[in-house]
PDB file of N, CA and C in Angstrom:
ATOM      1  N   MET A   1      40.104 -89.662 -87.019  1.00  0.00           N
ATOM      2  CA  MET A   1      40.904 -89.591 -88.512  1.00  0.00           C
ATOM      3  C   MET A   1      41.744 -88.064 -88.259  1.00  0.00           C
ATOM      4  N   VAL A   2      42.906 -87.886 -88.666  1.00  0.00           N
ATOM      5  CA  VAL A   2      43.560 -87.321 -88.964  1.00  0.00           C
ATOM      6  C   VAL A   2      43.002 -86.108 -89.876  1.00  0.00           C
ATOM      7  N   LYS A   3      43.027 -84.600 -89.718  1.00  0.00           N
ATOM      8  CA  LYS A   3      42.879 -83.775 -90.687  1.00  0.00           C
ATOM      9  C   LYS A   3      44.048 -82.649 -90.982  1.00  0.00           C
ATOM     10  N   ARG A   4      44.703 -82.932 -92.237  1.00  0.00           N
ATOM     11  CA  ARG A   4      45.732 -81.995 -92.596  1.00  0.00           C
ATOM     12  C   ARG A   4      45.436 -80.714 -93.338  1.00  0.00           C
ATOM     13  N   ILE A   5      45.623 -79.544 -93.745  1.00  0.00           N
ATOM     14  CA  ILE A   5      45.146 -78.652 -94.244  1.00  0.00           C
ATOM     15  C   ILE A   5      46.820 -77.898 -94.504  1.00  0.00           C
ATOM     16  N   ASP A   6      46.691 -77.898 -95.711  1.00  0.00           N
ATOM     17  CA  ASP A   6      47.956 -76.299 -96.080  1.00  0.00           C
ATOM     18  C   ASP A   6      46.880 -74.812 -96.468  1.00  0.00           C
ATOM     19  N   VAL A   7      48.315 -73.622 -95.586  1.00  0.00           N
ATOM     20  CA  VAL A   7      47.437 -72.594 -95.798  1.00  0.00           C
ATOM     21  C   VAL A   7      49.229 -71.879 -96.084  1.00  0.00           C
ATOM     22  N   THR A   8      48.825 -70.635 -97.112  1.00  0.00           N
ATOM     23  CA  THR A   8      49.627 -70.136 -96.849  1.00  0.00           C
ATOM     24  C   THR A   8      50.122 -68.555 -96.436  1.00  0.00           C
ATOM     25  N   VAL A   9      50.972 -68.000 -95.857  1.00  0.00           N
ATOM     26  CA  VAL A   9      50.908 -67.021 -95.344  1.00  0.00           C
ATOM     27  C   VAL A   9      50.703 -65.821 -95.611  1.00  0.00           C
ATOM     28  N   THR A  10      49.921 -65.024 -96.260  1.00  0.00           N
ATOM     29  CA  THR A  10      49.792 -63.592 -96.829  1.00  0.00           C
ATOM     30  C   THR A  10      49.593 -62.253 -96.143  1.00  0.00           C
ATOM     31  N   ASP A  11      49.909 -62.510 -94.372  1.00  0.00           N
ATOM     32  CA  ASP A  11      51.219 -61.036 -93.751  1.00  0.00           C
ATOM     33  C   ASP A  11      52.054 -60.996 -94.624  1.00  0.00           C
ATOM     34  N   PRO A  12      52.630 -59.290 -95.136  1.00  0.00           N
ATOM     35  CA  PRO A  12      53.105 -59.513 -95.283  1.00  0.00           C
ATOM     36  C   PRO A  12      54.543 -59.511 -94.031  1.00  0.00           C
ATOM     37  N   VAL A  13      54.848 -59.572 -92.905  1.00  0.00           N
ATOM     38  CA  VAL A  13      55.593 -59.722 -91.667  1.00  0.00           C
ATOM     39  C   VAL A  13      55.419 -60.893 -91.163  1.00  0.00           C
ATOM     40  N   GLY A  14      54.766 -62.487 -91.867  1.00  0.00           N
ATOM     41  CA  GLY A  14      54.538 -63.682 -91.191  1.00  0.00           C
ATOM     42  C   GLY A  14      53.187 -63.219 -90.370  1.00  0.00           C
ATOM     43  N   LEU A  15      53.894 -64.410 -90.022  1.00  0.00           N
ATOM     44  CA  LEU A  15      53.215 -65.430 -88.067  1.00  0.00           C
ATOM     45  C   LEU A  15      54.075 -64.245 -87.413  1.00  0.00           C
ATOM     46  N   TYR A  16      53.495 -63.034 -86.873  1.00  0.00           N
ATOM     47  CA  TYR A  16      54.177 -62.746 -85.191  1.00  0.00           C
ATOM     48  C   TYR A  16      53.300 -62.658 -84.438  1.00  0.00           C
ATOM     49  N   ALA A  17      54.105 -62.139 -83.431  1.00  0.00           N
ATOM     50  CA  ALA A  17      53.813 -62.413 -81.590  1.00  0.00           C
ATOM     51  C   ALA A  17      52.175 -62.519 -82.147  1.00  0.00           C
ATOM     52  N   THR A  18      52.025 -60.733 -82.392  1.00  0.00           N
ATOM     53  CA  THR A  18      50.534 -60.943 -82.166  1.00  0.00           C
ATOM     54  C   THR A  18      49.223 -61.689 -82.197  1.00  0.00           C
ATOM     55  N   PRO A  19      48.778 -61.955 -83.204  1.00  0.00           N
ATOM     56  CA  PRO A  19      48.128 -62.674 -84.375  1.00  0.00           C
ATOM     57  C   PRO A  19      48.776 -64.685 -83.921  1.00  0.00           C
ATOM     58  N   ALA A  20      49.626 -64.370 -83.635  1.00  0.00           N
ATOM     59  CA  ALA A  20      49.793 -65.734 -83.125  1.00  0.00           C
ATOM     60  C   ALA A  20      49.533 -65.941 -81.852  1.00  0.00           C
ATOM     61  N   THR A  21      49.768 -65.559 -81.107  1.00  0.00           N
ATOM     62  CA  THR A  21      48.923 -65.705 -79.596  1.00  0.00           C
ATOM     63  C   THR A  21      47.669 -65.739 -79.698  1.00  0.00           C
ATOM     64  N   GLU A  22      46.993 -64.042 -80.773  1.00  0.00           N
ATOM     65  CA  GLU A  22      45.395 -64.930 -80.260  1.00  0.00           C
ATOM     66  C   GLU A  22      45.017 -66.422 -81.576  1.00  0.00           C
ATOM     67  N   LEU A  23      45.645 -67.245 -81.751  1.00  0.00           N
ATOM     68  CA  LEU A  23      45.454 -68.563 -82.890  1.00  0.00           C
ATOM     69  C   LEU A  23      46.148 -69.509 -81.868  1.00  0.00           C
ATOM     70  N   VAL A  24      47.015 -69.409 -81.153  1.00  0.00           N
ATOM     71  CA  VAL A  24      47.688 -70.098 -80.183  1.00  0.00           C
ATOM     72  C   VAL A  24      46.123 -70.262 -79.024  1.00  0.00           C
ATOM     73  N   ASP A  25      46.205 -69.237 -78.529  1.00  0.00           N
ATOM     74  CA  ASP A  25      44.584 -69.016 -77.184  1.00  0.00           C
ATOM     75  C   ASP A  25      43.896 -69.884 -77.881  1.00  0.00           C
ATOM     76  N   THR A  26      43.349 -69.309 -78.980  1.00  0.00           N
ATOM     77  CA  THR A  26      41.860 -70.079 -80.131  1.00  0.00           C
ATOM     78  C   THR A  26      42.297 -71.682 -79.957  1.00  0.00           C
ATOM     79  N   MET A  27      43.237 -71.952 -79.856  1.00  0.00           N
ATOM     80  CA  MET A  27      43.972 -73.537 -80.288  1.00  0.00           C
ATOM     81  C   MET A  27      43.391 -73.953 -78.953  1.00  0.00           C
ATOM     82  N   LYS A  28      44.061 -73.852 -77.754  1.00  0.00           N
ATOM     83  CA  LYS A  28      44.061 -74.170 -76.517  1.00  0.00           C
ATOM     84  C   LYS A  28      42.709 -74.632 -76.302  1.00  0.00           C
ATOM     85  N   MET A  29      41.059 -74.371 -77.272  1.00  0.00           N
ATOM     86  CA  MET A  29      40.680 -73.998 -76.282  1.00  0.00           C
ATOM     87  C   MET A  29      39.660 -75.830 -76.922  1.00  0.00           C
ATOM     88  N   PHE A  30      40.552 -76.582 -77.710  1.00  0.00           N
ATOM     89  CA  PHE A  30      40.104 -77.852 -78.355  1.00  0.00           C
ATOM     90  C   PHE A  30      40.487 -78.880 -77.745  1.00  0.00           C
ATOM     91  N   ASN A  31      40.490 -79.285 -78.046  1.00  0.00           N
ATOM     92  CA  ASN A  31      40.706 -80.853 -76.929  1.00  0.00           C
ATOM     93  C   ASN A  31      41.803 -81.678 -78.106  1.00  0.00           C
ATOM     94  N   SER A  32      41.849 -81.807 -79.410  1.00  0.00           N
ATOM     95  CA  SER A  32      42.552 -82.714 -80.068  1.00  0.00           C
ATOM     96  C   SER A  32      44.202 -82.064 -80.107  1.00  0.00           C
ATOM     97  N   ASP A  33      44.333 -82.718 -80.106  1.00  0.00           N
ATOM     98  CA  ASP A  33      46.183 -82.519 -80.718  1.00  0.00           C
ATOM     99  C   ASP A  33      46.660 -81.870 -81.646  1.00  0.00           C
ATOM    100  N   ILE A  34      47.248 -80.797 -82.277  1.00  0.00           N
ATOM    101  CA  ILE A  34      47.687 -79.882 -83.077  1.00  0.00           C
ATOM    102  C   ILE A  34      48.411 -79.396 -83.214  1.00  0.00           C
ATOM    103  N   LYS A  35      48.700 -79.387 -84.367  1.00  0.00           N
ATOM    104  CA  LYS A  35      50.545 -79.120 -85.020  1.00  0.00           C
ATOM    105  C   LYS A  35      50.336 -78.258 -85.814  1.00  0.00           C
ATOM    106  N   LEU A  36      51.579 -77.561 -85.697  1.00  0.00           N
ATOM    107  CA  LEU A  36      51.765 -76.474 -87.411  1.00  0.00           C
ATOM    108  C   LEU A  36      53.142 -76.908 -87.936  1.00  0.00           C
ATOM    109  N   VAL A  37      53.238 -77.597 -89.266  1.00  0.00           N
ATOM    110  CA  VAL A  37      54.476 -77.669 -89.618  1.00  0.00           C
ATOM    111  C   VAL A  37      54.358 -76.789 -90.575  1.00  0.00           C
ATOM    112  N   TYR A  38      56.213 -76.036 -90.149  1.00  0.00           N
ATOM    113  CA  TYR A  38      56.449 -75.155 -91.203  1.00  0.00           C
ATOM    114  C   TYR A  38      58.943 -75.487 -91.377  1.00  0.00           C
ATOM    115  N   ALA A  39      58.862 -75.742 -92.681  1.00  0.00           N
ATOM    116  CA  ALA A  39      60.437 -76.157 -93.152  1.00  0.00           C
ATOM    117  C   ALA A  39      60.866 -76.980 -92.628  1.00  0.00           C
ATOM    118  N   SER A  40      59.751 -78.631 -93.035  1.00  0.00           N
ATOM    119  CA  SER A  40      59.907 -80.360 -91.867  1.00  0.00           C
ATOM    120  C   SER A  40      60.338 -79.546 -90.416  1.00  0.00           C
ATOM    121  N   LYS A  41      59.945 -78.977 -89.989  1.00  0.00           N
ATOM    122  CA  LYS A  41      60.120 -78.635 -87.774  1.00  0.00           C
ATOM    123  C   LYS A  41      57.986 -78.521 -87.904  1.00  0.00           C
ATOM    124  N   THR A  42      57.957 -79.217 -87.121  1.00  0.00           N
ATOM    125  CA  THR A  42      56.812 -79.201 -86.593  1.00  0.00           C
ATOM    126  C   THR A  42      56.751 -79.630 -84.633  1.00  0.00           C
ATOM    127  N   VAL A  43      55.519 -78.647 -84.095  1.00  0.00           N
ATOM    128  CA  VAL A  43      55.252 -77.790 -83.245  1.00  0.00           C
ATOM    129  C   VAL A  43      54.418 -77.980 -82.944  1.00  0.00           C
ATOM    130  N   ASN A  44      54.245 -78.187 -81.891  1.00  0.00           N
ATOM    131  CA  ASN A  44      52.818 -77.570 -80.895  1.00  0.00           C
ATOM    132  C   ASN A  44      52.254 -76.726 -81.548  1.00  0.00           C
ATOM    133  N   MET A  45      51.076 -76.254 -81.673  1.00  0.00           N
ATOM    134  CA  MET A  45      50.090 -75.285 -81.632  1.00  0.00           C
ATOM    135  C   MET A  45      49.571 -74.705 -81.071  1.00  0.00           C
ATOM    136  N   LYS A  46      49.988 -75.399 -79.583  1.00  0.00           N
ATOM    137  CA  LYS A  46      49.124 -74.892 -78.614  1.00  0.00           C
ATOM    138  C   LYS A  46      50.183 -73.916 -77.901  1.00  0.00           C
ATOM    139  N   SER A  47      50.816 -74.116 -78.532  1.00  0.00           N
ATOM    140  CA  SER A  47      52.346 -73.549 -78.240  1.00  0.00           C
ATOM    141  C   SER A  47      52.740 -72.319 -78.443  1.00  0.00           C
ATOM    142  N   LEU A  48      52.899 -71.444 -77.693  1.00  0.00           N
ATOM    143  CA  LEU A  48      53.006 -69.822 -78.013  1.00  0.00           C
ATOM    144  C   LEU A  48      54.877 -70.071 -79.044  1.00  0.00           C
ATOM    145  N   MET A  49      55.487 -69.917 -77.791  1.00  0.00           N
ATOM    146  CA  MET A  49      57.212 -70.177 -78.096  1.00  0.00           C
ATOM    147  C   MET A  49      57.458 -71.444 -79.476  1.00  0.00           C
ATOM    148  N   GLY A  50      56.727 -72.182 -78.834  1.00  0.00           N
ATOM    149  CA  GLY A  50      56.915 -73.061 -80.463  1.00  0.00           C
ATOM    150  C   GLY A  50      56.951 -72.496 -82.078  1.00  0.00           C
ATOM    151  N   VAL A  51      55.193 -71.836 -81.509  1.00  0.00           N
ATOM    152  CA  VAL A  51      54.606 -71.673 -82.984  1.00  0.00           C
ATOM    153  C   VAL A  51      55.920 -70.330 -83.169  1.00  0.00           C
ATOM    154  N   LEU A  52      56.035 -69.696 -82.526  1.00  0.00           N
ATOM    155  CA  LEU A  52      57.513 -68.538 -82.497  1.00  0.00           C
ATOM    156  C   LEU A  52      58.501 -68.874 -83.063  1.00  0.00           C
ATOM    157  N   SER A  53      58.882 -70.101 -82.895  1.00  0.00           N
ATOM    158  CA  SER A  53      60.086 -70.773 -83.235  1.00  0.00           C
ATOM    159  C   SER A  53      60.521 -70.941 -84.314  1.00  0.00           C
ATOM    160  N   LEU A  54      59.295 -71.161 -84.623  1.00  0.00           N
ATOM    161  CA  LEU A  54      59.343 -71.691 -86.113  1.00  0.00           C
ATOM    162  C   LEU A  54      59.826 -70.360 -87.585  1.00  0.00           C
ATOM    163  N   GLY A  55      59.278 -68.736 -86.945  1.00  0.00           N
ATOM    164  CA  GLY A  55      59.545 -67.748 -87.988  1.00  0.00           C
ATOM    165  C   GLY A  55      59.319 -67.684 -88.658  1.00  0.00           C
ATOM    166  N   ILE A  56      58.015 -68.148 -89.270  1.00  0.00           N
ATOM    167  CA  ILE A  56      57.554 -68.130 -90.539  1.00  0.00           C
ATOM    168  C   ILE A  56      57.263 -67.103 -90.936  1.00  0.00           C
ATOM    169  N   PRO A  57      57.536 -66.610 -92.001  1.00  0.00           N
ATOM    170  CA  PRO A  57      57.972 -65.425 -93.103  1.00  0.00           C
ATOM    171  C   PRO A  57      56.887 -65.156 -94.174  1.00  0.00           C
ATOM    172  N   THR A  58      56.737 -64.050 -94.644  1.00  0.00           N
ATOM    173  CA  THR A  58      55.077 -64.113 -95.589  1.00  0.00           C
ATOM    174  C   THR A  58      55.622 -64.886 -96.477  1.00  0.00           C
ATOM    175  N   LYS A  59      54.495 -66.055 -97.075  1.00  0.00           N
ATOM    176  CA  LYS A  59      54.132 -66.628 -97.991  1.00  0.00           C
ATOM    177  C   LYS A  59      55.103 -68.079 -97.429  1.00  0.00           C
ATOM    178  N   ALA A  60      55.107 -68.343 -97.092  1.00  0.00           N
ATOM    179  CA  ALA A  60      54.746 -69.383 -96.524  1.00  0.00           C
ATOM    180  C   ALA A  60      54.380 -70.808 -96.532  1.00  0.00           C
ATOM    181  N   LYS A  61      54.686 -71.735 -96.605  1.00  0.00           N
ATOM    182  CA  LYS A  61      53.393 -72.889 -96.814  1.00  0.00           C
ATOM    183  C   LYS A  61      53.948 -73.321 -95.331  1.00  0.00           C
ATOM    184  N   ILE A  62      52.731 -73.167 -94.350  1.00  0.00           N
ATOM    185  CA  ILE A  62      52.975 -73.992 -93.292  1.00  0.00           C
ATOM    186  C   ILE A  62      51.219 -75.313 -93.756  1.00  0.00           C
ATOM    187  N   GLU A  63      51.315 -75.856 -92.730  1.00  0.00           N
ATOM    188  CA  GLU A  63      50.328 -77.445 -92.083  1.00  0.00           C
ATOM    189  C   GLU A  63      49.656 -77.108 -91.341  1.00  0.00           C
ATOM    190  N   ILE A  64      48.854 -78.196 -91.411  1.00  0.00           N
ATOM    191  CA  ILE A  64      48.228 -77.716 -89.742  1.00  0.00           C
ATOM    192  C   ILE A  64      47.217 -79.051 -89.780  1.00  0.00           C
ATOM    193  N   ILE A  65      47.543 -79.966 -88.246  1.00  0.00           N
ATOM    194  CA  ILE A  65      46.789 -81.676 -88.425  1.00  0.00           C
ATOM    195  C   ILE A  65      46.662 -80.824 -86.832  1.00  0.00           C
ATOM    196  N   ALA A  66      45.524 -82.059 -86.924  1.00  0.00           N
ATOM    197  CA  ALA A  66      44.447 -81.741 -86.307  1.00  0.00           C
ATOM    198  C   ALA A  66      44.041 -83.169 -85.697  1.00  0.00           C
ATOM    199  N   ASP A  67      44.087 -83.601 -84.638  1.00  0.00           N
ATOM    200  CA  ASP A  67      43.971 -84.960 -84.412  1.00  0.00           C
ATOM    201  C   ASP A  67      43.049 -85.336 -83.204  1.00  0.00           C
ATOM    202  N   GLY A  68      41.981 -86.129 -82.754  1.00  0.00           N
ATOM    203  CA  GLY A  68      41.155 -85.643 -81.950  1.00  0.00           C
ATOM    204  C   GLY A  68      39.575 -86.120 -82.466  1.00  0.00           C
ATOM    205  N   GLU A  69      38.808 -85.567 -81.045  1.00  0.00           N
ATOM    206  CA  GLU A  69      37.650 -85.792 -81.382  1.00  0.00           C
ATOM    207  C   GLU A  69      36.374 -84.263 -81.907  1.00  0.00           C
ATOM    208  N   ASP A  70      37.075 -83.165 -81.644  1.00  0.00           N
ATOM    209  CA  ASP A  70      37.326 -82.041 -82.239  1.00  0.00           C
ATOM    210  C   ASP A  70      38.122 -81.489 -83.199  1.00  0.00           C
ATOM    211  N   GLU A  71      38.546 -82.253 -83.813  1.00  0.00           N
ATOM    212  CA  GLU A  71      39.534 -82.101 -85.097  1.00  0.00           C
ATOM    213  C   GLU A  71      38.958 -81.266 -86.464  1.00  0.00           C
ATOM    214  N   ASP A  72      37.570 -81.779 -86.916  1.00  0.00           N
ATOM    215  CA  ASP A  72      36.684 -81.058 -88.207  1.00  0.00           C
ATOM    216  C   ASP A  72      36.546 -79.098 -87.238  1.00  0.00           C
ATOM    217  N   ALA A  73      35.839 -79.356 -86.783  1.00  0.00           N
ATOM    218  CA  ALA A  73      36.335 -77.975 -85.753  1.00  0.00           C
ATOM    219  C   ALA A  73      37.015 -76.750 -85.230  1.00  0.00           C
ATOM    220  N   VAL A  74      38.632 -77.980 -85.134  1.00  0.00           N
ATOM    221  CA  VAL A  74      39.961 -76.783 -85.131  1.00  0.00           C
ATOM    222  C   VAL A  74      40.244 -76.026 -86.322  1.00  0.00           C
ATOM    223  N   ILE A  75      40.108 -77.536 -87.930  1.00  0.00           N
ATOM    224  CA  ILE A  75      40.086 -76.711 -89.128  1.00  0.00           C
ATOM    225  C   ILE A  75      39.601 -75.873 -89.744  1.00  0.00           C
ATOM    226  N   LYS A  76      37.681 -75.622 -89.130  1.00  0.00           N
ATOM    227  CA  LYS A  76      37.251 -74.786 -89.422  1.00  0.00           C
ATOM    228  C   LYS A  76      37.761 -73.482 -88.695  1.00  0.00           C
ATOM    229  N   ARG A  77      38.104 -73.554 -87.358  1.00  0.00           N
ATOM    230  CA  ARG A  77      38.122 -72.442 -86.836  1.00  0.00           C
ATOM    231  C   ARG A  77      39.444 -72.169 -87.138  1.00  0.00           C
ATOM    232  N   ALA A  78      40.202 -72.591 -86.853  1.00  0.00           N
ATOM    233  CA  ALA A  78      41.510 -72.420 -88.102  1.00  0.00           C
ATOM    234  C   ALA A  78      41.817 -71.443 -88.914  1.00  0.00           C
ATOM    235  N   LEU A  79      41.217 -72.058 -89.675  1.00  0.00           N
ATOM    236  CA  LEU A  79      40.784 -71.778 -91.638  1.00  0.00           C
ATOM    237  C   LEU A  79      40.495 -69.871 -91.070  1.00  0.00           C
ATOM    238  N   GLU A  80      39.446 -69.619 -90.691  1.00  0.00           N
ATOM    239  CA  GLU A  80      38.553 -68.757 -90.235  1.00  0.00           C
ATOM    240  C   GLU A  80      38.959 -68.108 -89.100  1.00  0.00           C
ATOM    241  N   LEU A  81      39.821 -68.510 -88.801  1.00  0.00           N
ATOM    242  CA  LEU A  81      40.731 -66.599 -87.632  1.00  0.00           C
ATOM    243  C   LEU A  81      42.149 -66.277 -88.627  1.00  0.00           C
ATOM    244  N   MET A  82      42.563 -67.702 -88.880  1.00  0.00           N
ATOM    245  CA  MET A  82      43.404 -66.914 -90.327  1.00  0.00           C
ATOM    246  C   MET A  82      43.289 -66.347 -90.815  1.00  0.00           C
ATOM    247  N   LYS A  83      41.876 -65.541 -91.875  1.00  0.00           N
ATOM    248  CA  LYS A  83      41.500 -64.624 -92.048  1.00  0.00           C
ATOM    249  C   LYS A  83      41.021 -63.670 -92.056  1.00  0.00           C
ATOM    250  N   ASP A  84      40.462 -63.667 -90.438  1.00  0.00           N
ATOM    251  CA  ASP A  84      39.656 -62.788 -89.984  1.00  0.00           C
ATOM    252  C   ASP A  84      41.269 -61.908 -89.220  1.00  0.00           C
ATOM    253  N   LEU A  85      42.571 -62.579 -88.986  1.00  0.00           N
ATOM    254  CA  LEU A  85      43.364 -62.124 -88.469  1.00  0.00           C
ATOM    255  C   LEU A  85      44.371 -61.644 -89.540  1.00  0.00           C
ATOM    256  N   GLY A  86      43.742 -61.930 -91.142  1.00  0.00           N
ATOM    257  CA  GLY A  86      44.948 -61.041 -92.128  1.00  0.00           C
ATOM    258  C   GLY A  86      45.899 -62.729 -92.229  1.00  0.00           C
ATOM    259  N   ILE A  87      46.237 -63.125 -91.677  1.00  0.00           N
ATOM    260  CA  ILE A  87      47.190 -64.114 -91.491  1.00  0.00           C
ATOM    261  C   ILE A  87      47.966 -65.088 -92.985  1.00  0.00           C
ATOM    262  N   SER A  88      45.890 -65.160 -93.621  1.00  0.00           N
ATOM    263  CA  SER A  88      46.096 -65.765 -94.624  1.00  0.00           C
ATOM    264  C   SER A  88      44.971 -64.533 -95.682  1.00  0.00           C
ATOM    265  N   GLY A  89      44.672 -65.697 -96.500  1.00  0.00           N
ATOM    266  CA  GLY A  89      43.401 -64.796 -97.777  1.00  0.00           C
ATOM    267  C   GLY A  89      42.384 -66.040 -97.718  1.00  0.00           C
TER     268      GLY A  89
END
C-alpha cells in the first residue's frame, strides 16, 4: 500500500544542494519507489538532479510518496533525516 506524507520546508534557504544530496543518498538505500512532489511536479527522490530541478523554496509544502516493500521505513527515515538536517521542523 502506498504511503504518503506532507512536509513543510522550514530551512530559510529551502531544499538546497547539501541536504538534498544527503537525503537522496539515504533514499537510494531503500527498495521502494520514492517520489517527491512539489508544485504539481513529481520527481524520483533517488535522483539528485530531479530533486534540485524542483527549486524547492522555504515554506514550500512537499509530498513524499513511497511504494514498495520498505515504504514504512522510507517514510520514517525521510522524516527523521529532514528534521536532523534542519529541512523541516
